[in-house]
């Protein structure tokens, strides 16, 4: 593969992982995986959450793709793009850890953005956490954040329709 093709594949994988993360968050974590995800939505003072177990699936995907791309493991049947897809999944995992766990939930560092896209990310994810329980909700992605004013309007509409239970701070 050419360097340009490799870089394009890595970037495409990082972008695709945001969709995978969005779908996993909306349909698995807020669905049958709620037992693991619930503690992420509830106040606690523990260093780790059951929710952290979901990261093992991303790690397994990355490791599997590295293995598929490795001639040391797969021999002549190695598929080179697997290495670069595995790297894209790994990079997304790093971005997720820094942005979601670090910036939004401040598990690793303390910094509250006052403006720009970082502030928008934090606001969008705080609106995600505005619901009580797994039903309804907005902003299931981790890196791309929609306009917080639109998300707040969606939450109000979900509340009015009886889809979501919204925390009192957001009830106007």
C-alpha atoms as a PDB file:
ATOM      1  CA  UNK A   1       0.000   0.000   0.000  1.00  0.00           C
ATOM      2  CA  UNK A   2       1.130   3.540  -0.632  1.00  0.00           C
ATOM      3  CA  UNK A   3       1.682   5.924   2.249  1.00  0.00           C
ATOM      4  CA  UNK A   4      -1.289   8.003   1.096  1.00  0.00           C
ATOM      5  CA  UNK A   5      -3.539   4.903   1.010  1.00  0.00           C
ATOM      6  CA  UNK A   6      -2.363   3.889   4.481  1.00  0.00           C
ATOM      7  CA  UNK A   7      -3.068   7.352   5.919  1.00  0.00           C
ATOM      8  CA  UNK A   8      -6.473   7.459   4.199  1.00  0.00           C
ATOM      9  CA  UNK A   9      -7.372   4.024   5.606  1.00  0.00           C
ATOM     10  CA  UNK A  10      -6.307   5.011   9.132  1.00  0.00           C
ATOM     11  CA  UNK A  11      -8.330   8.254   8.929  1.00  0.00           C
ATOM     12  CA  UNK A  12     -11.366   6.465   7.462  1.00  0.00           C
ATOM     13  CA  UNK A  13     -11.191   3.928  10.286  1.00  0.00           C
ATOM     14  CA  UNK A  14     -11.039   6.649  12.958  1.00  0.00           C
ATOM     15  CA  UNK A  15     -14.084   8.329  11.387  1.00  0.00           C
ATOM     16  CA  UNK A  16     -15.935   5.016  11.047  1.00  0.00           C
ATOM     17  CA  UNK A  17     -15.239   4.235  14.696  1.00  0.00           C
ATOM     18  CA  UNK A  18     -17.222   7.313  15.730  1.00  0.00           C
ATOM     19  CA  UNK A  19     -20.249   5.777  13.985  1.00  0.00           C
ATOM     20  CA  UNK A  20     -19.527   2.379  15.597  1.00  0.00           C
ATOM     21  CA  UNK A  21     -19.215   4.093  18.994  1.00  0.00           C
ATOM     22  CA  UNK A  22     -22.453   6.057  18.437  1.00  0.00           C
ATOM     23  CA  UNK A  23     -24.404   2.929  17.456  1.00  0.00           C
ATOM     24  CA  UNK A  24     -22.883   0.868  20.280  1.00  0.00           C
ATOM     25  CA  UNK A  25     -23.661   3.591  22.803  1.00  0.00           C
ATOM     26  CA  UNK A  26     -27.244   4.087  21.640  1.00  0.00           C
ATOM     27  CA  UNK A  27     -28.275   0.483  20.979  1.00  0.00           C
ATOM     28  CA  UNK A  28     -26.006  -1.638  23.193  1.00  0.00           C
ATOM     29  CA  UNK A  29     -25.000   0.513  26.169  1.00  0.00           C
ATOM     30  CA  UNK A  30     -28.482   2.028  26.439  1.00  0.00           C
ATOM     31  CA  UNK A  31     -30.023  -1.330  25.529  1.00  0.00           C
ATOM     32  CA  UNK A  32     -29.040  -4.824  26.647  1.00  0.00           C
ATOM     33  CA  UNK A  33     -25.654  -3.553  27.927  1.00  0.00           C
ATOM     34  CA  UNK A  34     -27.243  -1.121  30.408  1.00  0.00           C
ATOM     35  CA  UNK A  35     -26.133  -3.263  33.371  1.00  0.00           C
ATOM     36  CA  UNK A  36     -22.527  -2.320  32.563  1.00  0.00           C
ATOM     37  CA  UNK A  37     -23.259   1.243  31.423  1.00  0.00           C
ATOM     38  CA  UNK A  38     -25.595   2.286  34.248  1.00  0.00           C
ATOM     39  CA  UNK A  39     -22.824   3.171  36.716  1.00  0.00           C
ATOM     40  CA  UNK A  40     -21.430   5.624  34.176  1.00  0.00           C
ATOM     41  CA  UNK A  41     -24.667   7.604  34.507  1.00  0.00           C
ATOM     42  CA  UNK A  42     -24.789   7.529  38.299  1.00  0.00           C
ATOM     43  CA  UNK A  43     -22.625   9.501  40.748  1.00  0.00           C
ATOM     44  CA  UNK A  44     -19.842   7.502  42.374  1.00  0.00           C
ATOM     45  CA  UNK A  45     -16.344   7.954  43.739  1.00  0.00           C
ATOM     46  CA  UNK A  46     -14.786   4.788  42.319  1.00  0.00           C
ATOM     47  CA  UNK A  47     -11.746   4.943  40.053  1.00  0.00           C
ATOM     48  CA  UNK A  48     -13.205   2.357  37.653  1.00  0.00           C
ATOM     49  CA  UNK A  49     -16.699   1.692  36.361  1.00  0.00           C
ATOM     50  CA  UNK A  50     -18.296  -1.449  34.941  1.00  0.00           C
ATOM     51  CA  UNK A  51     -18.725   0.739  31.865  1.00  0.00           C
ATOM     52  CA  UNK A  52     -14.936   0.589  31.371  1.00  0.00           C
ATOM     53  CA  UNK A  53     -15.364  -3.048  30.331  1.00  0.00           C
ATOM     54  CA  UNK A  54     -16.739  -1.845  26.981  1.00  0.00           C
ATOM     55  CA  UNK A  55     -13.239  -0.602  26.174  1.00  0.00           C
ATOM     56  CA  UNK A  56     -12.081  -4.213  26.129  1.00  0.00           C
ATOM     57  CA  UNK A  57     -14.200  -4.786  23.029  1.00  0.00           C
ATOM     58  CA  UNK A  58     -12.485  -1.919  21.219  1.00  0.00           C
ATOM     59  CA  UNK A  59      -9.105  -3.262  22.315  1.00  0.00           C
ATOM     60  CA  UNK A  60     -10.044  -6.762  21.097  1.00  0.00           C
ATOM     61  CA  UNK A  61     -11.118  -5.351  17.734  1.00  0.00           C
ATOM     62  CA  UNK A  62      -7.849  -3.445  17.364  1.00  0.00           C
ATOM     63  CA  UNK A  63      -5.715  -6.424  18.416  1.00  0.00           C
ATOM     64  CA  UNK A  64      -7.653  -8.722  16.066  1.00  0.00           C
ATOM     65  CA  UNK A  65      -7.078  -6.401  13.132  1.00  0.00           C
ATOM     66  CA  UNK A  66      -3.364  -6.130  13.960  1.00  0.00           C
ATOM     67  CA  UNK A  67      -3.239  -9.945  14.019  1.00  0.00           C
ATOM     68  CA  UNK A  68      -5.054 -10.244  10.683  1.00  0.00           C
ATOM     69  CA  UNK A  69      -2.531  -7.824   9.168  1.00  0.00           C
ATOM     70  CA  UNK A  70       0.517  -9.537  10.658  1.00  0.00           C
ATOM     71  CA  UNK A  71       2.554 -11.913   8.527  1.00  0.00           C
ATOM     72  CA  UNK A  72       4.157 -13.194  11.751  1.00  0.00           C
ATOM     73  CA  UNK A  73       0.740 -14.443  12.875  1.00  0.00           C
ATOM     74  CA  UNK A  74      -1.134 -15.066   9.631  1.00  0.00           C
ATOM     75  CA  UNK A  75       1.794 -15.987   7.402  1.00  0.00           C
ATOM     76  CA  UNK A  76       1.178 -15.573   3.691  1.00  0.00           C
ATOM     77  CA  UNK A  77      -2.540 -15.007   4.271  1.00  0.00           C
ATOM     78  CA  UNK A  78      -1.932 -11.771   6.204  1.00  0.00           C
ATOM     79  CA  UNK A  79      -4.113  -8.900   5.006  1.00  0.00           C
ATOM     80  CA  UNK A  80      -2.036  -5.710   5.190  1.00  0.00           C
ATOM     81  CA  UNK A  81      -4.997  -3.308   5.538  1.00  0.00           C
ATOM     82  CA  UNK A  82      -5.801  -5.072   8.816  1.00  0.00           C
ATOM     83  CA  UNK A  83      -2.716  -3.490  10.387  1.00  0.00           C
ATOM     84  CA  UNK A  84      -3.832   0.017   9.429  1.00  0.00           C
ATOM     85  CA  UNK A  85      -7.445  -0.592  10.432  1.00  0.00           C
ATOM     86  CA  UNK A  86      -6.162  -1.857  13.786  1.00  0.00           C
ATOM     87  CA  UNK A  87      -4.105   1.319  14.131  1.00  0.00           C
ATOM     88  CA  UNK A  88      -7.170   3.460  13.325  1.00  0.00           C
ATOM     89  CA  UNK A  89      -9.208   1.647  15.991  1.00  0.00           C
ATOM     90  CA  UNK A  90      -6.349   2.158  18.471  1.00  0.00           C
ATOM     91  CA  UNK A  91      -6.125   5.884  17.642  1.00  0.00           C
ATOM     92  CA  UNK A  92      -9.872   6.257  18.095  1.00  0.00           C
ATOM     93  CA  UNK A  93      -9.575   4.551  21.478  1.00  0.00           C
ATOM     94  CA  UNK A  94      -6.903   7.036  22.512  1.00  0.00           C
ATOM     95  CA  UNK A  95      -9.006   9.976  21.280  1.00  0.00           C
ATOM     96  CA  UNK A  96     -12.039   8.587  23.119  1.00  0.00           C
ATOM     97  CA  UNK A  97     -10.057   8.177  26.340  1.00  0.00           C
ATOM     98  CA  UNK A  98      -8.640  11.704  26.215  1.00  0.00           C
ATOM     99  CA  UNK A  99     -11.877  13.407  25.097  1.00  0.00           C
ATOM    100  CA  UNK A 100     -14.580  11.433  26.910  1.00  0.00           C
ATOM    101  CA  UNK A 101     -12.890  10.176  30.060  1.00  0.00           C
ATOM    102  CA  UNK A 102     -10.364  13.003  30.324  1.00  0.00           C
ATOM    103  CA  UNK A 103     -12.015  16.189  29.080  1.00  0.00           C
ATOM    104  CA  UNK A 104     -15.709  15.477  29.606  1.00  0.00           C
ATOM    105  CA  UNK A 105     -15.636  13.426  32.817  1.00  0.00           C
ATOM    106  CA  UNK A 106     -12.289  14.766  34.090  1.00  0.00           C
ATOM    107  CA  UNK A 107     -11.045  11.364  35.193  1.00  0.00           C
ATOM    108  CA  UNK A 108      -7.413  12.143  34.286  1.00  0.00           C
ATOM    109  CA  UNK A 109      -7.057  15.917  34.286  1.00  0.00           C
ATOM    110  CA  UNK A 110      -8.976  19.028  35.316  1.00  0.00           C
ATOM    111  CA  UNK A 111      -9.747  21.546  32.587  1.00  0.00           C
ATOM    112  CA  UNK A 112     -13.087  23.131  31.827  1.00  0.00           C
ATOM    113  CA  UNK A 113     -13.113  24.637  28.343  1.00  0.00           C
ATOM    114  CA  UNK A 114     -14.605  28.131  28.160  1.00  0.00           C
ATOM    115  CA  UNK A 115     -15.157  28.296  24.388  1.00  0.00           C
ATOM    116  CA  UNK A 116     -14.771  26.496  21.101  1.00  0.00           C
ATOM    117  CA  UNK A 117     -15.387  22.927  20.093  1.00  0.00           C
ATOM    118  CA  UNK A 118     -14.086  21.470  23.366  1.00  0.00           C
ATOM    119  CA  UNK A 119     -16.800  23.400  25.241  1.00  0.00           C
ATOM    120  CA  UNK A 120     -19.403  22.146  22.748  1.00  0.00           C
ATOM    121  CA  UNK A 121     -18.268  18.534  23.312  1.00  0.00           C
ATOM    122  CA  UNK A 122     -18.568  18.900  27.074  1.00  0.00           C
ATOM    123  CA  UNK A 123     -22.001  20.552  26.829  1.00  0.00           C
ATOM    124  CA  UNK A 124     -23.321  17.908  24.426  1.00  0.00           C
ATOM    125  CA  UNK A 125     -22.189  15.070  26.647  1.00  0.00           C
ATOM    126  CA  UNK A 126     -23.544  16.730  29.783  1.00  0.00           C
ATOM    127  CA  UNK A 127     -26.899  16.885  27.955  1.00  0.00           C
ATOM    128  CA  UNK A 128     -26.537  13.161  27.252  1.00  0.00           C
ATOM    129  CA  UNK A 129     -26.242  12.631  31.000  1.00  0.00           C
ATOM    130  CA  UNK A 130     -29.300  14.813  31.655  1.00  0.00           C
ATOM    131  CA  UNK A 131     -31.647  11.844  31.409  1.00  0.00           C
ATOM    132  CA  UNK A 132     -32.390   9.433  34.224  1.00  0.00           C
ATOM    133  CA  UNK A 133     -32.314   5.823  33.071  1.00  0.00           C
ATOM    134  CA  UNK A 134     -31.549   4.330  29.703  1.00  0.00           C
ATOM    135  CA  UNK A 135     -34.574   5.598  27.765  1.00  0.00           C
ATOM    136  CA  UNK A 136     -34.430   8.575  25.430  1.00  0.00           C
ATOM    137  CA  UNK A 137     -31.411  10.816  25.451  1.00  0.00           C
ATOM    138  CA  UNK A 138     -29.324  12.764  22.981  1.00  0.00           C
ATOM    139  CA  UNK A 139     -25.702  12.965  21.848  1.00  0.00           C
ATOM    140  CA  UNK A 140     -24.607   9.335  21.764  1.00  0.00           C
ATOM    141  CA  UNK A 141     -21.381  10.056  19.885  1.00  0.00           C
ATOM    142  CA  UNK A 142     -18.096  10.855  21.570  1.00  0.00           C
ATOM    143  CA  UNK A 143     -16.073  13.069  19.232  1.00  0.00           C
ATOM    144  CA  UNK A 144     -18.640  14.820  17.043  1.00  0.00           C
ATOM    145  CA  UNK A 145     -21.069  17.018  18.957  1.00  0.00           C
ATOM    146  CA  UNK A 146     -24.212  18.666  17.662  1.00  0.00           C
ATOM    147  CA  UNK A 147     -25.353  22.125  18.719  1.00  0.00           C
ATOM    148  CA  UNK A 148     -26.213  22.005  22.451  1.00  0.00           C
ATOM    149  CA  UNK A 149     -29.264  24.268  21.952  1.00  0.00           C
ATOM    150  CA  UNK A 150     -30.737  21.759  19.477  1.00  0.00           C
ATOM    151  CA  UNK A 151     -29.915  18.867  21.802  1.00  0.00           C
ATOM    152  CA  UNK A 152     -31.651  20.634  24.702  1.00  0.00           C
ATOM    153  CA  UNK A 153     -34.742  21.186  22.522  1.00  0.00           C
ATOM    154  CA  UNK A 154     -34.733  17.475  21.618  1.00  0.00           C
ATOM    155  CA  UNK A 155     -34.564  16.545  25.300  1.00  0.00           C
ATOM    156  CA  UNK A 156     -37.520  18.808  26.074  1.00  0.00           C
ATOM    157  CA  UNK A 157     -39.510  17.191  23.264  1.00  0.00           C
ATOM    158  CA  UNK A 158     -38.613  13.695  24.534  1.00  0.00           C
ATOM    159  CA  UNK A 159     -39.700  14.713  28.040  1.00  0.00           C
ATOM    160  CA  UNK A 160     -42.989  16.102  26.760  1.00  0.00           C
ATOM    161  CA  UNK A 161     -43.609  12.915  24.771  1.00  0.00           C
ATOM    162  CA  UNK A 162     -42.883  10.748  27.821  1.00  0.00           C
ATOM    163  CA  UNK A 163     -39.853   9.150  26.170  1.00  0.00           C
ATOM    164  CA  UNK A 164     -37.192  10.412  28.586  1.00  0.00           C
ATOM    165  CA  UNK A 165     -37.054  11.390  32.230  1.00  0.00           C
ATOM    166  CA  UNK A 166     -34.946  14.542  32.419  1.00  0.00           C
ATOM    167  CA  UNK A 167     -33.064  15.666  35.522  1.00  0.00           C
ATOM    168  CA  UNK A 168     -34.613  18.691  37.235  1.00  0.00           C
ATOM    169  CA  UNK A 169     -31.786  21.076  36.296  1.00  0.00           C
ATOM    170  CA  UNK A 170     -32.917  20.921  32.655  1.00  0.00           C
ATOM    171  CA  UNK A 171     -36.639  21.245  33.217  1.00  0.00           C
ATOM    172  CA  UNK A 172     -37.762  24.789  32.289  1.00  0.00           C
END
